[in-house]
Each structure stands twice: as C-alpha cells, then as structure tokens.
C-alpha atoms as a PDB file:
ATOM      1  CA  MET A   1     -51.722-156.940 120.132  1.00  0.00           C
ATOM      2  CA  ALA A   2     -48.837-159.208 121.812  1.00  0.00           C
ATOM      3  CA  ARG A   3     -47.798-158.556 125.557  1.00  0.00           C
ATOM      4  CA  ASN A   4     -43.984-158.285 126.305  1.00  0.00           C
ATOM      5  CA  PRO A   5     -43.491-160.381 128.704  1.00  0.00           C
ATOM      6  CA  GLU A   6     -40.534-158.715 130.536  1.00  0.00           C
ATOM      7  CA  LYS A   7     -42.553-155.592 130.749  1.00  0.00           C
ATOM      8  CA  ASP A   8     -44.315-155.210 133.916  1.00  0.00           C
ATOM      9  CA  HIS A   9     -48.002-155.056 133.146  1.00  0.00           C
ATOM     10  CA  SER A  10     -49.119-154.134 136.802  1.00  0.00           C
ATOM     11  CA  PHE A  11     -50.755-150.906 136.102  1.00  0.00           C
ATOM     12  CA  GLU A  12     -52.543-152.225 133.217  1.00  0.00           C
ATOM     13  CA  ASP A  13     -54.050-154.780 134.589  1.00  0.00           C
ATOM     14  CA  VAL A  14     -55.127-152.702 137.568  1.00  0.00           C
ATOM     15  CA  ILE A  15     -56.978-150.737 135.544  1.00  0.00           C
ATOM     16  CA  TYR A  16     -58.596-153.593 133.622  1.00  0.00           C
ATOM     17  CA  ALA A  17     -59.977-155.413 136.649  1.00  0.00           C
ATOM     18  CA  GLY A  18     -61.300-152.534 137.984  1.00  0.00           C
ATOM     19  CA  GLY A  19     -63.881-152.759 135.001  1.00  0.00           C
ATOM     20  CA  LEU A  20     -63.941-156.711 136.114  1.00  0.00           C
ATOM     21  CA  LEU A  21     -65.238-155.612 139.471  1.00  0.00           C
ATOM     22  CA  ALA A  22     -67.323-153.054 138.105  1.00  0.00           C
ATOM     23  CA  GLN A  23     -69.032-155.874 135.889  1.00  0.00           C
ATOM     24  CA  GLY A  24     -69.244-158.097 138.583  1.00  0.00           C
ATOM     25  CA  LYS A  25     -66.253-160.670 137.677  1.00  0.00           C
ATOM     26  CA  TYR A  26     -64.963-160.675 140.569  1.00  0.00           C
ATOM     27  CA  ALA A  27     -63.341-164.145 140.359  1.00  0.00           C
ATOM     28  CA  GLU A  28     -61.812-162.712 137.359  1.00  0.00           C
ATOM     29  CA  ALA A  29     -60.415-159.404 138.596  1.00  0.00           C
ATOM     30  CA  ARG A  30     -59.191-161.550 141.604  1.00  0.00           C
ATOM     31  CA  LYS A  31     -56.982-163.403 139.651  1.00  0.00           C
ATOM     32  CA  LEU A  32     -55.628-160.027 137.864  1.00  0.00           C
ATOM     33  CA  LEU A  33     -55.297-158.061 140.817  1.00  0.00           C
ATOM     34  CA  LEU A  34     -53.032-161.162 142.958  1.00  0.00           C
ATOM     35  CA  ALA A  35     -50.627-161.361 139.929  1.00  0.00           C
ATOM     36  CA  SER A  36     -50.298-157.395 139.446  1.00  0.00           C
ATOM     37  CA  VAL A  37     -49.529-156.855 143.436  1.00  0.00           C
ATOM     38  CA  GLN A  38     -47.202-160.209 143.530  1.00  0.00           C
ATOM     39  CA  ALA A  39     -45.733-158.660 140.370  1.00  0.00           C
ATOM     40  CA  ASP A  40     -45.760-154.771 142.527  1.00  0.00           C
ATOM     41  CA  ASP A  41     -43.074-155.017 144.858  1.00  0.00           C
ATOM     42  CA  SER A  42     -44.875-151.750 146.330  1.00  0.00           C
ATOM     43  CA  HIS A  43     -47.796-153.457 146.787  1.00  0.00           C
ATOM     44  CA  ARG A  44     -49.209-150.188 145.584  1.00  0.00           C
ATOM     45  CA  PHE A  45     -52.878-151.783 144.263  1.00  0.00           C
ATOM     46  CA  VAL A  46     -52.995-154.203 147.331  1.00  0.00           C
ATOM     47  CA  GLY A  47     -56.624-152.039 148.061  1.00  0.00           C
ATOM     48  CA  ASN A  48     -58.023-153.448 144.966  1.00  0.00           C
ATOM     49  CA  LEU A  49     -57.236-156.858 145.927  1.00  0.00           C
ATOM     50  CA  LEU A  50     -58.434-156.770 149.191  1.00  0.00           C
ATOM     51  CA  ALA A  51     -61.452-155.182 147.999  1.00  0.00           C
ATOM     52  CA  ALA A  52     -62.087-158.705 145.451  1.00  0.00           C
ATOM     53  CA  GLU A  53     -61.093-160.765 148.475  1.00  0.00           C
ATOM     54  CA  LEU A  54     -64.096-158.681 150.828  1.00  0.00           C
ATOM     55  CA  LEU A  55     -66.259-159.434 147.682  1.00  0.00           C
ATOM     56  CA  LEU A  56     -66.000-163.002 147.021  1.00  0.00           C
ATOM     57  CA  THR A  57     -65.602-164.304 150.613  1.00  0.00           C
ATOM     58  CA  ASP A  58     -67.557-164.056 154.128  1.00  0.00           C
ATOM     59  CA  GLY A  59     -65.809-162.700 156.808  1.00  0.00           C
ATOM     60  CA  PHE A  60     -62.313-161.005 156.525  1.00  0.00           C
ATOM     61  CA  ASP A  61     -59.796-163.787 157.733  1.00  0.00           C
ATOM     62  CA  SER A  62     -58.696-164.378 154.194  1.00  0.00           C
ATOM     63  CA  ALA A  63     -58.320-160.544 153.451  1.00  0.00           C
ATOM     64  CA  ILE A  64     -56.123-160.427 156.613  1.00  0.00           C
ATOM     65  CA  ALA A  65     -54.039-162.851 154.989  1.00  0.00           C
ATOM     66  CA  LEU A  66     -53.879-160.894 152.184  1.00  0.00           C
ATOM     67  CA  ALA A  67     -52.691-158.011 153.822  1.00  0.00           C
ATOM     68  CA  GLU A  68     -50.642-159.514 155.698  1.00  0.00           C
ATOM     69  CA  LEU A  69     -48.508-161.382 152.697  1.00  0.00           C
ATOM     70  CA  HIS A  70     -48.942-158.113 150.640  1.00  0.00           C
ATOM     71  CA  PRO A  71     -48.067-154.984 153.222  1.00  0.00           C
ATOM     72  CA  GLN A  72     -47.981-151.614 150.675  1.00  0.00           C
ATOM     73  CA  HIS A  73     -44.824-150.114 150.411  1.00  0.00           C
ATOM     74  CA  ALA A  74     -44.487-146.189 150.067  1.00  0.00           C
ATOM     75  CA  PHE A  75     -41.667-143.703 149.240  1.00  0.00           C
ATOM     76  CA  GLY A  76     -41.631-140.638 150.755  1.00  0.00           C
ATOM     77  CA  GLN A  77     -45.201-140.264 151.643  1.00  0.00           C
ATOM     78  CA  ILE A  78     -48.041-141.858 153.974  1.00  0.00           C
ATOM     79  CA  THR A  79     -48.808-145.310 153.541  1.00  0.00           C
ATOM     80  CA  PRO A  80     -52.386-146.924 153.636  1.00  0.00           C
ATOM     81  CA  LYS A  81     -52.544-149.355 156.653  1.00  0.00           C
ATOM     82  CA  TRP A  82     -55.003-151.866 154.851  1.00  0.00           C
ATOM     83  CA  LEU A  83     -54.037-154.665 157.401  1.00  0.00           C
ATOM     84  CA  LYS A  84     -55.246-151.939 160.419  1.00  0.00           C
ATOM     85  CA  GLN A  85     -58.349-151.489 158.492  1.00  0.00           C
ATOM     86  CA  ILE A  86     -59.847-154.746 157.472  1.00  0.00           C
ATOM     87  CA  ARG A  87     -58.970-155.563 161.238  1.00  0.00           C
ATOM     88  CA  ASP A  88     -60.970-152.551 162.544  1.00  0.00           C
ATOM     89  CA  MET A  89     -64.165-154.058 159.461  1.00  0.00           C
ATOM     90  CA  LYS A  90     -63.622-157.291 161.346  1.00  0.00           C
ATOM     91  CA  GLU A  91     -64.126-155.775 164.683  1.00  0.00           C
ATOM     92  CA  GLU A  92     -66.840-153.554 164.202  1.00  0.00           C
ATOM     93  CA  ALA A  93     -69.031-156.604 162.386  1.00  0.00           C
ATOM     94  CA  ILE A  94     -69.312-157.967 165.334  1.00  0.00           C
ATOM     95  CA  GLY A  95     -72.566-159.028 166.214  1.00  0.00           C
ATOM     96  CA  LYS A  96     -74.134-157.526 163.126  1.00  0.00           C
ATOM     97  CA  SER A  97     -75.577-159.608 160.612  1.00  0.00           C
ATOM     98  CA  ASP A  98     -75.582-157.541 157.608  1.00  0.00           C
ATOM     99  CA  TYR A  99     -72.488-156.128 158.110  1.00  0.00           C
ATOM    100  CA  GLN A 100     -70.889-157.958 155.183  1.00  0.00           C
ATOM    101  CA  THR A 101     -73.970-157.655 152.606  1.00  0.00           C
ATOM    102  CA  HIS A 102     -73.591-153.777 152.978  1.00  0.00           C
ATOM    103  CA  LEU A 103     -69.743-153.826 152.711  1.00  0.00           C
ATOM    104  CA  ARG A 104     -70.605-155.625 149.526  1.00  0.00           C
ATOM    105  CA  GLN A 105     -72.609-152.923 148.510  1.00  0.00           C
ATOM    106  CA  ALA A 106     -70.891-149.899 149.084  1.00  0.00           C
ATOM    107  CA  ILE A 107     -67.760-151.588 147.299  1.00  0.00           C
ATOM    108  CA  GLU A 108     -69.957-152.586 144.254  1.00  0.00           C
ATOM    109  CA  TRP A 109     -71.166-148.383 144.459  1.00  0.00           C
ATOM    110  CA  HIS A 110     -67.324-148.087 144.078  1.00  0.00           C
ATOM    111  CA  TYR A 111     -66.300-149.919 141.314  1.00  0.00           C
ATOM    112  CA  GLY A 112     -69.606-149.195 139.688  1.00  0.00           C
ATOM    113  CA  GLY A 113     -69.052-145.592 139.247  1.00  0.00           C
ATOM    114  CA  ASN A 114     -72.194-145.068 141.926  1.00  0.00           C
ATOM    115  CA  GLU A 115     -70.580-142.116 144.080  1.00  0.00           C
ATOM    116  CA  ALA A 116     -73.881-140.418 144.526  1.00  0.00           C
ATOM    117  CA  LYS A 117     -75.217-143.620 146.282  1.00  0.00           C
ATOM    118  CA  LEU A 118     -71.753-144.231 147.985  1.00  0.00           C
ATOM    119  CA  LYS A 119     -71.586-140.627 149.516  1.00  0.00           C
ATOM    120  CA  SER A 120     -75.194-140.555 150.799  1.00  0.00           C
ATOM    121  CA  TRP A 121     -74.879-143.668 152.310  1.00  0.00           C
ATOM    122  CA  GLN A 122     -71.643-142.889 153.787  1.00  0.00           C
ATOM    123  CA  ASP A 123     -73.220-139.636 154.983  1.00  0.00           C
ATOM    124  CA  GLU A 124     -75.856-141.622 156.924  1.00  0.00           C
ATOM    125  CA  SER A 125     -73.528-144.765 158.123  1.00  0.00           C
ATOM    126  CA  ASN A 126     -72.275-145.120 161.313  1.00  0.00           C
ATOM    127  CA  GLU A 127     -69.800-147.922 159.998  1.00  0.00           C
ATOM    128  CA  LYS A 128     -66.181-145.859 160.926  1.00  0.00           C
ATOM    129  CA  ALA A 129     -63.848-148.705 160.001  1.00  0.00           C
ATOM    130  CA  MET A 130     -66.114-149.556 156.805  1.00  0.00           C
ATOM    131  CA  ILE A 131     -66.336-145.910 155.350  1.00  0.00           C
ATOM    132  CA  GLY A 132     -62.550-145.670 155.997  1.00  0.00           C
ATOM    133  CA  PHE A 133     -61.424-148.674 154.122  1.00  0.00           C
ATOM    134  CA  LEU A 134     -63.852-147.253 150.898  1.00  0.00           C
ATOM    135  CA  ARG A 135     -61.575-143.555 150.907  1.00  0.00           C
ATOM    136  CA  MET A 136     -58.300-145.664 151.132  1.00  0.00           C
ATOM    137  CA  LEU A 137     -60.013-147.225 148.062  1.00  0.00           C
ATOM    138  CA  LYS A 138     -60.792-144.075 146.735  1.00  0.00           C
ATOM    139  CA  GLU A 139     -57.493-143.025 146.633  1.00  0.00           C
ATOM    140  CA  VAL A 140     -55.730-146.119 145.018  1.00  0.00           C
ATOM    141  CA  TYR A 141     -55.374-144.729 141.790  1.00  0.00           C
END
C-alpha cells in the first residue's frame, strides 16, 4: 500500500520504530524517530528519539543536543522536561562507569515489554534520574 506523502505519518512511524527498538534495530529506529519528531511540531515523541540516541551513543551530549533542538510542546497539560532529565542523568552518571550499561539495559527492557524486570530493577536502584527518564518514556504513548 502506497503512503500518502501529504499525510503526517509520525504516529505510525513511532509505533513502528518502537518495534524496531524492541528488535534491537536502534539505528533504523533512530532515523524514523528523528523524521517523526521533525514532522510533528509538538515533538511529542522526542523521548523515544532520545532513548534511541542513548542506546546508540556513549555519553549524553548528543541526546542533550537533540533535546535542545526538539523541545516537547504541550497544550493544556504538563510537558515532560526531557532536557533536564538527560542533564540530570549525565550528572548522576559521573564516576559510575557502568551507568550507561545499566541505562541501555533498562531502555531495552522498556521497549522489549519486560515490565517485571524493569519494575524489579527500579525498586532496587538508587539511580533517581534514570528511573525518572524511564517513567517519562512510559508516558510517551
């Protein structure tokens, strides 16, 4: 079935990208998510893009740059503060060499639908900023 190029496909693309993330196809998902965020002026799916970016890169600088470039806008509701959350994680990670490994694992559990492991980890973890990021992700759609 051909896609109508005049229609906004950002929602469908984000759902598909979530499936790609669950399959470990992070680069392909990131590409789709970036296009979706750029097509949707509200940037309502920027959290998914940031998660893909964090899965693909070391450090937080590129995710911070994306959050600055694509702030989420909401009308009549509370807007997630993605930039602050990424910066908080960057600060929380200082001196913790395994922080990004734990973050990637938790994001993979989130997209893989492994809620039991994610909940168990969150109950035991002291990584407040990381837990906050994952809770925000859960609210994206």
